[in-house]
Amino acid sequence: MPNPGERMLIRCEGGPTQWRAVTFPPPQELDASGGLYVLVDDGPPEQWWYEFVPDGG
């Protein structure tokens, strides 16, 4: 488990990017061009990912 404030890379599904660098704990949502990334935090932190939700979706 990462320590608070530690940087981590999180995989992104869909949208304009494949990875995001964030600090732990990661934000639940991140703005992106054309939509929003929403954190899917099922399982341990090393398995979390961001799912892209397009604007209007």
Protein backbone atom coordinates (compact mmCIF):
# COMPACT_ATOMS: atom_id res chain seq x y z
CA MET A 1 0.00 0.00 0.00
CA PRO A 2 1.42 3.41 -0.94
CA ASN A 3 1.96 6.00 1.79
CA PRO A 4 -0.07 9.25 1.77
CA GLY A 5 1.55 11.76 -0.58
CA GLU A 6 3.50 9.09 -2.49
CA ARG A 7 3.36 9.38 -6.28
CA MET A 8 1.88 6.51 -8.27
CA LEU A 9 1.00 5.75 -11.89
CA ILE A 10 -2.55 4.66 -12.60
CA ARG A 11 -3.67 3.04 -15.85
CA CYS A 12 -6.40 4.85 -17.83
CA GLU A 13 -9.01 3.06 -19.93
CA GLY A 14 -10.32 5.08 -22.86
CA GLY A 15 -9.88 8.81 -23.32
CA PRO A 16 -6.86 10.79 -24.44
CA THR A 17 -4.18 9.20 -22.20
CA GLN A 18 -3.03 5.73 -21.11
CA TRP A 19 -1.50 6.60 -17.68
CA ARG A 20 -1.83 9.34 -15.07
CA ALA A 21 0.68 10.23 -12.35
CA VAL A 22 -1.13 11.12 -9.11
CA THR A 23 -0.37 11.27 -5.40
CA PHE A 24 -1.86 8.75 -2.98
CA PRO A 25 -4.71 8.76 -2.25
CA PRO A 26 -5.63 9.50 -5.87
CA PRO A 27 -8.50 11.85 -6.72
CA GLN A 28 -11.84 10.15 -7.41
CA GLU A 29 -12.28 12.17 -10.61
CA LEU A 30 -9.91 13.91 -13.04
CA ASP A 31 -10.91 16.34 -15.79
CA ALA A 32 -9.74 15.38 -19.26
CA SER A 33 -10.22 16.70 -22.76
CA GLY A 34 -13.70 15.60 -23.83
CA GLY A 35 -14.74 14.04 -20.54
CA LEU A 36 -13.77 12.86 -17.10
CA TYR A 37 -11.70 10.03 -15.65
CA VAL A 38 -13.38 8.22 -12.74
CA LEU A 39 -11.32 6.10 -10.33
CA VAL A 40 -12.22 2.40 -10.16
CA ASP A 41 -10.79 1.38 -6.79
CA ASP A 42 -11.70 -2.30 -6.66
CA GLY A 43 -8.99 -4.39 -5.01
CA PRO A 44 -5.56 -3.26 -3.80
CA PRO A 45 -4.21 0.14 -4.95
CA GLU A 46 -1.82 -1.41 -7.49
CA GLN A 47 -4.88 -2.72 -9.39
CA TRP A 48 -6.85 0.55 -9.46
CA TRP A 49 -7.49 2.30 -12.77
CA TYR A 50 -9.27 5.31 -14.24
CA GLU A 51 -12.24 4.77 -16.54
CA PHE A 52 -12.96 7.55 -19.08
CA VAL A 53 -16.51 8.91 -19.20
CA PRO A 54 -17.08 11.18 -22.22
CA ASP A 55 -18.93 14.48 -21.86
CA GLY A 56 -22.66 13.79 -21.93
CA GLY A 57 -22.03 10.13 -21.11
